[in-house]
Protein backbone atom coordinates (compact mmCIF):
# COMPACT_ATOMS: atom_id res chain seq x y z
CA MET A 1 43.08 -52.81 1.49
CA ILE A 2 44.96 -50.68 4.01
CA PHE A 3 45.04 -46.89 3.52
CA SER A 4 47.70 -44.67 4.94
CA PHE A 5 46.84 -41.64 7.03
CA ARG A 6 47.68 -39.31 4.13
CA GLN A 7 45.41 -41.23 1.77
CA ILE A 8 42.53 -41.14 4.23
CA PHE A 9 43.05 -37.40 4.81
CA PHE A 10 43.15 -36.79 1.04
CA ILE A 11 39.93 -38.77 0.49
CA LEU A 12 38.08 -36.97 3.30
CA SER A 13 39.31 -33.57 2.15
CA SER A 14 38.26 -34.26 -1.43
CA ALA A 15 34.84 -35.45 -0.32
CA THR A 16 34.36 -32.37 1.88
CA ILE A 17 35.33 -30.01 -0.93
CA CYS A 18 32.96 -31.79 -3.32
CA LEU A 19 30.11 -31.52 -0.83
CA LEU A 20 30.80 -27.85 -0.23
CA LEU A 21 30.97 -27.10 -3.94
CA ASN A 22 27.83 -29.11 -4.57
CA GLY A 23 26.04 -27.39 -1.70
CA LYS A 24 27.18 -24.02 -2.98
CA GLN A 25 25.95 -24.90 -6.43
CA VAL A 26 22.60 -26.06 -5.05
CA GLY A 27 22.37 -22.88 -2.99
CA GLN A 28 23.14 -20.76 -6.03
CA GLU A 29 20.51 -22.61 -8.05
CA HIS A 30 18.00 -22.06 -5.24
CA ASP A 31 18.84 -18.35 -5.12
CA VAL A 32 18.40 -18.08 -8.87
CA GLN A 33 15.01 -19.81 -8.68
CA LEU A 34 13.96 -17.57 -5.82
CA LEU A 35 14.91 -14.43 -7.76
CA GLU A 36 13.04 -15.73 -10.79
CA ARG A 37 9.90 -16.26 -8.69
CA VAL A 38 10.19 -12.78 -7.21
CA GLN A 39 10.50 -11.33 -10.71
CA ARG A 40 7.55 -13.39 -11.94
CA PHE A 41 5.38 -12.17 -9.10
CA PHE A 42 6.07 -8.46 -9.52
CA LEU A 43 5.85 -8.61 -13.31
CA MET A 44 2.39 -10.17 -12.90
CA GLY A 45 2.78 -12.15 -16.09
CA ASP A 46 0.74 -15.14 -14.88
CA LYS A 47 -3.03 -14.81 -15.10
CA SER A 48 -3.55 -16.78 -11.90
CA VAL A 49 -1.11 -14.57 -10.01
CA GLN A 50 -2.95 -11.47 -11.21
CA ILE A 51 -6.30 -12.79 -9.99
CA VAL A 52 -5.03 -13.96 -6.60
CA ALA A 53 -2.99 -10.81 -5.94
CA LEU A 54 -5.85 -8.51 -6.94
CA GLY A 55 -8.36 -10.57 -4.95
CA SER A 56 -6.21 -10.56 -1.81
CA VAL A 57 -5.64 -6.79 -2.00
CA LEU A 58 -9.34 -6.02 -2.54
CA MET A 59 -10.32 -8.48 0.19
CA GLY A 60 -7.91 -6.84 2.61
CA MET A 61 -9.29 -3.38 1.77
CA SER A 62 -12.91 -4.38 2.35
CA CYS A 63 -12.05 -6.23 5.58
CA GLY A 64 -10.04 -3.23 6.78
CA LEU A 65 -12.87 -0.79 6.09
CA ILE A 66 -15.71 -2.74 7.65
CA GLY A 67 -13.39 -4.08 10.34
CA SER A 68 -12.84 -0.52 11.58
CA TYR A 69 -16.47 -0.46 12.70
CA VAL A 70 -16.21 -4.02 14.00
CA VAL A 71 -13.41 -2.94 16.35
CA THR A 72 -14.74 0.49 17.35
CA ARG A 73 -18.22 -0.93 18.09
CA ARG A 74 -16.78 -3.99 19.86
CA LEU A 75 -18.29 -6.43 17.37
CA SER A 76 -15.23 -8.66 17.07
CA LEU A 77 -17.06 -11.70 18.42
CA PHE A 78 -19.95 -10.87 16.10
CA GLY A 79 -17.65 -11.10 13.09
CA ASP A 80 -16.30 -14.41 14.37
CA THR A 81 -19.85 -15.67 14.84
CA LEU A 82 -20.86 -14.72 11.31
CA SER A 83 -17.78 -16.35 9.80
CA HIS A 84 -18.69 -19.63 11.49
CA ALA A 85 -22.42 -19.27 10.85
CA VAL A 86 -21.99 -19.35 7.07
CA LEU A 87 -20.51 -22.87 7.14
CA PRO A 88 -23.85 -24.75 7.06
CA GLY A 89 -24.94 -22.44 4.23
CA ILE A 90 -21.97 -23.65 2.16
CA ALA A 91 -23.04 -27.24 2.75
CA VAL A 92 -26.66 -26.43 1.81
CA GLY A 93 -25.50 -24.64 -1.35
CA PHE A 94 -23.51 -27.69 -2.38
CA ILE A 95 -26.46 -30.03 -1.76
CA TRP A 96 -28.75 -27.72 -3.70
CA SER A 97 -26.54 -27.47 -6.79
CA GLY A 98 -25.01 -30.94 -6.57
CA GLU A 99 -21.57 -29.56 -7.35
CA LYS A 100 -19.00 -27.06 -6.14
CA ASN A 101 -20.60 -24.07 -7.85
CA SER A 102 -19.34 -20.72 -6.53
CA PHE A 103 -22.63 -18.92 -7.05
CA SER A 104 -24.76 -21.50 -5.23
CA LEU A 105 -22.22 -21.78 -2.39
CA LEU A 106 -22.20 -18.01 -1.91
CA ILE A 107 -26.00 -17.85 -1.98
CA GLY A 108 -26.16 -20.56 0.67
CA ALA A 109 -23.55 -18.78 2.77
CA ALA A 110 -25.47 -15.49 2.46
CA ILE A 111 -28.70 -17.11 3.58
CA ALA A 112 -26.96 -18.75 6.54
CA GLY A 113 -25.32 -15.46 7.48
CA LEU A 114 -28.65 -13.60 7.40
CA LEU A 115 -30.25 -16.41 9.39
CA GLY A 116 -27.49 -16.02 11.99
CA ILE A 117 -28.21 -12.27 12.19
CA VAL A 118 -31.91 -12.96 12.66
CA CYS A 119 -31.19 -15.47 15.43
CA LEU A 120 -29.00 -12.94 17.21
CA SER A 121 -31.66 -10.23 16.90
CA LEU A 122 -34.38 -12.52 18.27
CA LEU A 123 -32.25 -13.62 21.20
CA ASN A 124 -31.33 -10.03 22.08
CA ARG A 125 -34.88 -8.73 21.70
CA PHE A 126 -37.00 -11.45 23.32
CA THR A 127 -34.70 -12.95 25.95
CA LYS A 128 -32.62 -11.70 28.85
CA ILE A 129 -29.51 -13.43 27.50
CA LYS A 130 -26.61 -11.02 27.19
CA GLU A 131 -25.17 -10.25 23.77
CA ASP A 132 -21.88 -12.09 24.26
CA SER A 133 -23.75 -15.23 25.35
CA SER A 134 -26.04 -14.96 22.31
CA LEU A 135 -23.04 -14.70 20.03
CA GLY A 136 -21.47 -17.77 21.62
CA ILE A 137 -24.66 -19.80 21.25
CA VAL A 138 -25.15 -18.93 17.58
CA LEU A 139 -21.45 -19.43 16.78
CA SER A 140 -21.20 -22.89 18.33
CA ALA A 141 -24.59 -24.12 17.08
CA PHE A 142 -24.15 -23.03 13.45
CA TYR A 143 -20.54 -24.17 13.30
CA ALA A 144 -21.39 -27.59 14.75
CA LEU A 145 -24.22 -27.94 12.23
CA GLY A 146 -21.89 -27.02 9.37
CA ILE A 147 -19.24 -29.56 10.47
CA CYS A 148 -21.88 -32.30 10.67
CA MET A 149 -23.24 -31.47 7.22
CA LEU A 150 -19.78 -31.33 5.60
CA THR A 151 -18.84 -34.64 7.21
CA ARG A 152 -22.05 -36.20 5.91
CA ILE A 153 -21.36 -34.91 2.39
CA GLN A 154 -17.81 -36.32 2.45
CA LYS A 155 -19.05 -39.75 3.59
CA THR A 156 -21.55 -39.98 0.74
CA GLY A 157 -18.61 -40.18 -1.67
CA HIS A 158 -20.06 -37.53 -3.98
CA SER A 159 -17.85 -37.11 -7.05
CA HIS A 160 -17.92 -33.29 -6.93
CA GLN A 161 -17.27 -32.79 -3.22
CA ALA A 162 -13.47 -32.63 -3.60
CA GLY A 163 -12.08 -29.33 -2.38
CA LEU A 164 -15.24 -28.43 -0.47
CA ASP A 165 -13.25 -28.39 2.77
CA SER A 166 -11.10 -25.57 1.34
CA PHE A 167 -13.72 -23.14 2.61
CA MET A 168 -12.56 -24.02 6.13
CA PHE A 169 -9.06 -22.59 5.66
CA GLY A 170 -9.29 -20.95 2.23
CA GLN A 171 -7.71 -21.86 -1.09
CA ALA A 172 -6.61 -18.74 -2.90
CA SER A 173 -5.15 -20.67 -5.81
CA ALA A 174 -8.68 -21.74 -6.76
CA LEU A 175 -9.90 -18.12 -6.91
CA ALA A 176 -11.85 -17.55 -10.12
CA GLN A 177 -12.95 -14.41 -11.90
CA SER A 178 -16.49 -14.92 -10.57
CA ASP A 179 -15.09 -14.84 -7.01
CA LEU A 180 -13.19 -11.68 -7.91
CA ILE A 181 -16.42 -10.02 -9.04
CA VAL A 182 -18.02 -10.83 -5.68
CA ILE A 183 -15.03 -9.32 -3.81
CA ILE A 184 -15.17 -6.16 -5.94
CA ALA A 185 -18.92 -5.84 -5.38
CA SER A 186 -18.43 -6.27 -1.64
CA LEU A 187 -15.76 -3.56 -1.53
CA LEU A 188 -17.92 -1.14 -3.56
CA LEU A 189 -20.95 -1.69 -1.32
CA VAL A 190 -18.88 -1.25 1.84
CA GLY A 191 -17.26 1.92 0.49
CA LEU A 192 -20.59 3.36 -0.68
CA PHE A 193 -22.31 2.63 2.64
CA ILE A 194 -19.51 4.22 4.68
CA THR A 195 -19.28 7.26 2.40
CA CYS A 196 -23.01 7.94 2.52
CA ASN A 197 -23.37 7.40 6.27
CA PHE A 198 -20.00 8.47 7.61
CA LYS A 199 -21.26 11.10 10.07
CA GLU A 200 -24.22 9.00 11.17
CA LEU A 201 -22.02 5.96 11.77
CA LEU A 202 -19.54 8.10 13.70
CA ALA A 203 -22.24 9.58 15.94
CA SER A 204 -24.14 6.33 16.55
CA GLY A 205 -20.95 4.44 17.26
CA PHE A 206 -19.75 6.76 20.03
CA ASP A 207 -23.09 7.93 21.49
CA PRO A 208 -26.11 5.81 20.44
CA GLN A 209 -28.57 7.55 22.81
CA PHE A 210 -27.70 11.01 21.49
CA SER A 211 -27.95 9.72 17.92
CA LYS A 212 -31.47 8.42 18.55
CA SER A 213 -32.48 11.72 20.12
CA ILE A 214 -31.51 13.67 16.99
CA GLY A 215 -33.29 11.26 14.66
CA ILE A 216 -30.47 9.05 13.38
CA PRO A 217 -31.85 5.56 12.55
CA THR A 218 -29.32 3.66 14.65
CA ASP A 219 -31.10 0.31 14.34
CA ILE A 220 -31.13 0.50 10.55
CA LEU A 221 -27.45 1.48 10.50
CA GLN A 222 -26.62 -1.39 12.84
CA PHE A 223 -28.47 -3.89 10.64
CA GLY A 224 -26.75 -2.45 7.58
CA LEU A 225 -23.37 -2.97 9.24
CA TRP A 226 -24.29 -6.55 10.12
CA THR A 227 -25.31 -7.20 6.52
CA LEU A 228 -22.07 -5.75 5.16
CA ILE A 229 -20.01 -7.73 7.65
CA SER A 230 -21.82 -10.85 6.47
CA LEU A 231 -21.16 -9.92 2.81
CA CYS A 232 -17.50 -9.24 3.55
CA VAL A 233 -17.17 -12.60 5.30
CA ILE A 234 -18.79 -14.44 2.41
CA SER A 235 -16.64 -12.75 -0.24
CA SER A 236 -13.47 -13.60 1.72
CA LEU A 237 -14.18 -17.29 2.24
CA GLN A 238 -12.26 -18.46 -0.82
CA MET A 239 -9.20 -16.45 0.23
CA VAL A 240 -8.82 -17.09 3.96
CA GLY A 241 -11.61 -19.52 4.87
CA VAL A 242 -14.27 -19.63 7.56
CA ILE A 243 -11.90 -19.89 10.51
CA LEU A 244 -9.46 -17.07 9.66
CA VAL A 245 -11.74 -14.49 8.05
CA SER A 246 -12.61 -12.98 11.43
CA ALA A 247 -8.88 -12.28 11.92
CA MET A 248 -8.86 -10.06 8.82
CA LEU A 249 -11.86 -8.17 10.19
CA VAL A 250 -10.08 -7.47 13.47
CA ILE A 251 -6.27 -7.32 13.07
CA PRO A 252 -5.85 -4.53 10.44
CA ALA A 253 -8.42 -2.37 12.23
CA ALA A 254 -6.88 -3.07 15.63
CA THR A 255 -3.47 -2.12 14.23
CA ALA A 256 -4.87 1.12 12.82
CA SER A 257 -6.41 1.94 16.22
CA LEU A 258 -2.89 2.09 17.67
CA ILE A 259 -1.89 4.82 15.21
CA ALA A 260 -4.90 6.88 14.12
CA THR A 261 -6.65 9.52 16.23
CA ARG A 262 -9.38 10.49 13.76
CA MET A 263 -11.94 8.21 12.13
CA GLY A 264 -11.05 9.24 8.59
CA ASN A 265 -7.38 8.39 9.14
CA TYR A 266 -8.44 5.24 10.95
CA LEU A 267 -10.36 3.96 7.91
CA THR A 268 -7.53 4.84 5.53
CA ILE A 269 -4.82 3.15 7.61
CA ALA A 270 -6.93 0.04 8.21
CA CYS A 271 -7.67 -0.20 4.48
CA LEU A 272 -3.97 0.12 3.57
CA LEU A 273 -2.92 -2.40 6.23
CA GLY A 274 -5.49 -4.88 4.98
CA ALA A 275 -4.33 -4.44 1.38
CA GLY A 276 -0.68 -4.74 2.41
CA SER A 277 -1.40 -7.90 4.38
CA GLY A 278 -3.20 -9.44 1.42
CA LEU A 279 -0.42 -8.62 -1.02
CA GLY A 280 2.33 -9.66 1.41
CA GLY A 281 0.68 -12.99 2.20
CA THR A 282 0.16 -13.72 -1.49
CA PHE A 283 3.79 -12.88 -2.24
CA LEU A 284 5.12 -15.19 0.50
CA SER A 285 2.79 -17.95 -0.60
CA PHE A 286 4.00 -17.62 -4.19
CA LEU A 287 7.63 -17.82 -3.05
CA GLY A 288 7.00 -20.80 -0.80
CA GLU A 289 5.06 -22.72 -3.46
CA ASN A 290 3.29 -25.07 -1.04
CA PHE A 291 2.47 -22.56 1.71
CA PRO A 292 -1.24 -21.68 2.12
CA THR A 293 -2.13 -18.13 1.18
CA GLY A 294 -4.86 -17.48 3.76
CA PRO A 295 -2.80 -18.24 6.89
CA LEU A 296 0.14 -16.29 5.47
CA ILE A 297 -2.09 -13.24 4.92
CA VAL A 298 -3.16 -13.43 8.58
CA LEU A 299 0.46 -13.88 9.69
CA VAL A 300 1.57 -10.81 7.72
CA SER A 301 -1.27 -8.84 9.26
CA SER A 302 -0.24 -10.06 12.72
CA THR A 303 3.35 -9.03 11.95
CA PHE A 304 2.19 -5.51 11.10
CA PHE A 305 0.28 -5.40 14.39
CA THR A 306 3.35 -6.56 16.36
CA ILE A 307 5.62 -4.01 14.68
CA VAL A 308 3.21 -1.15 15.36
CA LEU A 309 2.56 -2.34 18.92
CA PHE A 310 6.26 -2.27 19.79
CA LEU A 311 7.61 0.52 17.57
CA ARG A 312 4.89 3.15 17.22
CA PRO A 313 6.18 6.61 18.11
CA GLN A 314 5.99 7.58 21.80
CA ARG A 315 3.50 4.85 22.78
CA GLY A 316 5.13 1.67 21.46
CA LEU A 317 6.00 -0.96 24.05
CA LEU A 318 9.66 -1.03 23.03
CA ILE A 319 9.80 2.77 22.84
CA LYS A 320 8.24 3.03 26.30
CA TRP A 321 10.67 0.46 27.68
CA LEU A 322 13.66 2.29 26.23
CA HIS A 323 12.33 5.61 27.52
CA SER A 324 11.76 4.08 30.95
CA ARG A 325 15.30 2.74 31.03
CA SER A 326 16.68 6.10 29.92
CA GLN A 327 14.60 7.91 32.51
CA SER A 328 15.67 5.52 35.28
CA ALA A 329 19.33 6.01 34.34
CA ARG A 330 18.85 9.80 34.32
CA ILE A 331 17.19 9.78 37.74
CA ALA A 332 19.97 7.61 39.18
CA ARG A 333 22.57 9.96 37.70
CA GLU A 334 20.82 13.01 39.16
CA ASN A 335 20.54 11.36 42.58
CA THR A 336 24.27 10.66 42.55
CA LEU A 337 25.01 14.27 41.60
CA LYS A 338 22.72 15.49 44.37
CA ALA A 339 24.51 13.23 46.85
CA ALA A 340 27.86 14.62 45.67
CA PHE A 341 26.57 18.16 46.28
CA HIS A 342 25.45 17.26 49.80
CA ILE A 343 28.83 15.72 50.59
CA ILE A 344 30.69 18.82 49.36
CA GLU A 345 28.20 21.04 51.18
CA GLY A 346 28.87 19.11 54.38
CA LYS A 347 32.54 20.06 54.03
CA ALA A 348 31.63 23.76 53.66
CA PHE A 349 32.54 23.59 49.94
CA LYS A 350 36.24 23.48 50.81
CA ASP A 351 37.04 19.96 49.62
CA PRO A 352 35.67 19.03 46.17
CA GLN A 353 36.86 15.40 46.33
CA ILE A 354 34.34 12.71 47.21
CA SER A 355 35.62 9.36 48.45
CA LEU A 356 33.97 6.03 47.76
CA GLN A 357 33.08 5.59 51.44
CA GLU A 358 31.39 8.99 51.59
CA MET A 359 29.29 8.22 48.54
CA MET A 360 28.40 4.75 49.87
CA SER A 361 27.25 6.27 53.15
CA LYS A 362 25.25 9.02 51.46
CA ARG A 363 23.61 6.81 48.83
CA ARG A 364 23.24 3.80 51.14
CA MET A 365 24.49 1.51 48.40
CA SER A 366 27.16 -1.15 48.04
CA SER A 367 30.60 -0.26 46.75
CA ALA A 368 29.92 -2.10 43.47
CA ASP A 369 26.72 -0.13 42.81
CA VAL A 370 28.40 3.16 43.71
CA GLU A 371 31.29 2.32 41.36
CA ILE A 372 28.80 1.73 38.55
CA GLU A 373 27.13 5.11 39.14
CA ASN A 374 30.51 6.86 39.40
CA ASP A 375 31.58 5.26 36.11
CA ASN A 376 28.36 6.50 34.49
CA LEU A 377 29.10 10.04 35.65
CA THR A 378 32.65 9.79 34.33
CA ARG A 379 31.52 8.52 30.93
CA ALA A 380 28.95 11.33 30.73
CA GLY A 381 31.67 13.93 31.34
CA LEU A 382 30.09 14.99 34.64
CA ALA A 383 32.92 13.80 36.91
CA THR A 384 36.55 12.73 36.88
CA ARG A 385 38.59 10.25 38.90
CA VAL A 386 41.43 11.62 41.03
CA PRO A 387 43.83 9.90 43.44
CA SER A 388 42.64 9.92 47.01
CA PRO A 389 44.72 12.04 49.43
CA ASN A 390 47.63 10.18 51.05
CA SER A 391 47.08 7.05 48.91
CA PRO A 392 49.77 5.10 47.03
CA THR A 393 50.29 5.84 43.36
CA ASP A 394 49.55 2.24 42.30
CA GLN A 395 46.14 2.29 43.94
CA LEU A 396 43.14 0.23 42.77
CA PRO A 397 40.18 1.91 41.02
CA ASN A 398 38.07 1.79 44.20
CA GLN A 399 40.73 3.81 46.02
CA THR A 400 40.18 6.84 43.80
CA SER A 401 38.03 9.83 44.66
CA LEU A 402 35.42 11.55 42.52
CA THR A 403 35.52 15.20 41.49
CA LEU A 404 32.69 16.88 39.60
CA THR A 405 33.51 18.64 36.37
CA PRO A 406 32.09 22.18 35.78
CA GLN A 407 29.25 20.60 33.82
CA GLY A 408 28.63 18.07 36.59
CA TRP A 409 28.70 20.76 39.28
CA GLU A 410 26.23 22.90 37.35
CA TYR A 411 23.93 19.89 36.88
CA ALA A 412 24.13 19.03 40.61
CA CYS A 413 23.32 22.62 41.60
CA LYS A 414 20.25 22.62 39.37
CA ILE A 415 18.90 19.41 40.92
CA VAL A 416 19.43 20.71 44.45
CA ARG A 417 17.88 24.05 43.51
CA ASN A 418 14.79 22.29 42.10
CA HIS A 419 14.45 20.21 45.25
CA ARG A 420 14.80 23.04 47.74
CA LEU A 421 12.66 25.49 45.79
CA TRP A 422 9.82 22.99 45.71
CA GLU A 423 10.17 22.33 49.43
CA LEU A 424 9.94 26.06 50.10
CA TYR A 425 6.95 26.42 47.77
CA LEU A 426 5.05 23.65 49.55
CA THR A 427 5.72 25.11 52.98
CA ASN A 428 4.94 28.74 52.04
CA GLU A 429 2.08 28.34 49.55
CA ALA A 430 0.54 24.96 50.35
CA ALA A 431 1.02 25.07 54.13
CA TYR A 432 2.97 21.81 54.28
CA ALA A 433 4.90 21.03 57.43
CA PRO A 434 8.65 21.35 56.75
CA ASP A 435 9.24 17.73 57.72
CA HIS A 436 6.62 16.48 55.20
CA VAL A 437 7.91 18.05 52.00
CA HIS A 438 11.01 15.98 51.31
CA GLU A 439 9.32 13.00 49.60
CA ASP A 440 7.31 15.21 47.25
CA ALA A 441 10.40 17.20 46.38
CA GLU A 442 12.31 13.97 45.68
CA LYS A 443 9.82 13.20 42.91
CA ILE A 444 9.31 16.66 41.43
CA GLU A 445 13.00 17.58 41.23
CA HIS A 446 13.51 15.24 38.25
CA VAL A 447 10.60 16.52 36.13
CA ILE A 448 10.35 20.21 36.91
CA GLY A 449 11.29 22.37 33.94
CA GLU A 450 13.43 25.48 33.77
CA GLU A 451 10.42 27.71 33.02
CA THR A 452 8.62 26.42 36.12
CA VAL A 453 11.74 27.05 38.19
CA ARG A 454 11.80 30.66 37.04
CA LYS A 455 8.15 31.09 38.04
CA LEU A 456 8.84 29.59 41.45
CA GLU A 457 11.78 31.94 41.98
CA ARG A 458 9.64 34.96 41.07
CA LEU A 459 6.75 33.75 43.23
CA LEU A 460 9.04 33.17 46.21
CA GLN A 461 10.98 36.40 45.52
CA ASN A 462 14.33 34.74 44.74
CA PRO A 463 14.81 32.97 48.08
CA GLN A 464 18.27 32.01 49.32
CA LYS A 465 17.43 29.30 51.85
CA ASP A 466 15.00 26.39 52.03
CA PRO A 467 12.64 25.61 54.96
CA HIS A 468 15.49 23.79 56.73
CA GLY A 469 17.86 26.76 56.51
CA LYS A 470 20.02 25.26 53.76
CA LEU A 471 21.34 27.34 50.89
CA ILE A 472 19.39 27.30 47.61
CA PRO A 473 21.83 27.54 44.67
CA SER A 474 20.94 30.61 42.61
CA LEU A 475 21.42 31.06 38.87
CA HIS A 476 24.48 33.22 39.59
CA ASP A 477 25.96 30.51 41.83
CA ILE A 478 25.44 27.90 39.15
CA GLN A 479 27.01 30.03 36.45
CA GLN A 480 30.02 30.93 38.64
CA GLY A 481 30.45 27.36 39.88
CA LEU A 482 30.95 28.72 43.42
CA LEU A 483 28.75 28.92 46.49
CA SER A 484 29.07 31.26 49.40
CA ASP A 485 26.91 32.14 52.36
């Protein structure tokens, strides 16, 4: 059968429209399902959602609180070591009970965690091995033992070993009320310990020697922190697993350290960030259906850290970069204005027009770069373009001259005044040689404030000329927009 061009076009058009309509319908159905899942999550109608959301929030709070001391005391590797050290305890708990019983697994993990702490204490006390090496030895040895034991259990074909590997990466959907009780107990113990020993922990964390001298039991506090870190790790295993639990001890606290300046605020922010990470990760996991909750919680926490790192007020990386760019542009603009002043000064202030060649010679820059700086001055309202003398009316942009506006002239006078006042101050008060003051003045002219300028003028008794005999623009000269000898 032979189809005409019109028939083929009609068939293709119809098929395309059907696909678009079908795709739109599928997209609308997907959007409706997504909105329904969002509504289901925030209404908290499902019992399982309630347990997982509450567990993740409480886990994030406890990790944020105890993690604040992990970060401030530089125990990040210790937390990682403990999280890996509990793995053989999980295997022993399973062998002991013969099934995946939460209570027996947690008891085994607690024993393994305490055994890891004891091994670290013995290595630090009775050997010359440094603490970071001890942590690495215990981490690798316990973790390797746990992997071997779990592999052996899986090869035996035990009927109840299914899901045992979930402790490696976490399985929040399997969180039970008994696990929730353990998380609540962990949070209460952490909160109680910090509340009762807040001042002692603060003093021993920042100055251990002074704390010992005034009778604070630093060793007992340190062991108590280790025990609580171990408890926090164990209670978080079902949520985020052995491998990622150390991230929840470190990331919320590290994020809080970028914001807080006091320990009380530090603990509060870390606690809130941990809770927000837990809730956010659970929400994304619920929307994605098949996405794991534990890794998503860590990713949300890492996202918070990235946002704070780049956008925190004054000290954020992006804020600093933008400020640096703004400052560089301001300095370039001020240098161009200063060069314009020098050019006009060289003509005894009789000709206010500055040609492109004069600016290129003064700034020692290419014509393209000078044009860019001139355009910046024009856009800022500090200069205007005027036809060069004796040039044709249909001239090109680079044949125009630059003339400073009243605002631009005032700005240029201020920069020159700052420069020459500082040169005079260095020669008169600091005994600098006149030929050695220019570089320092080049730097200080851009940062010196108006109040400092006033003090310099009073100290130098309102001078009129710099060490090189050049005129220093006075406040009256700047206000009048005129200079005269």
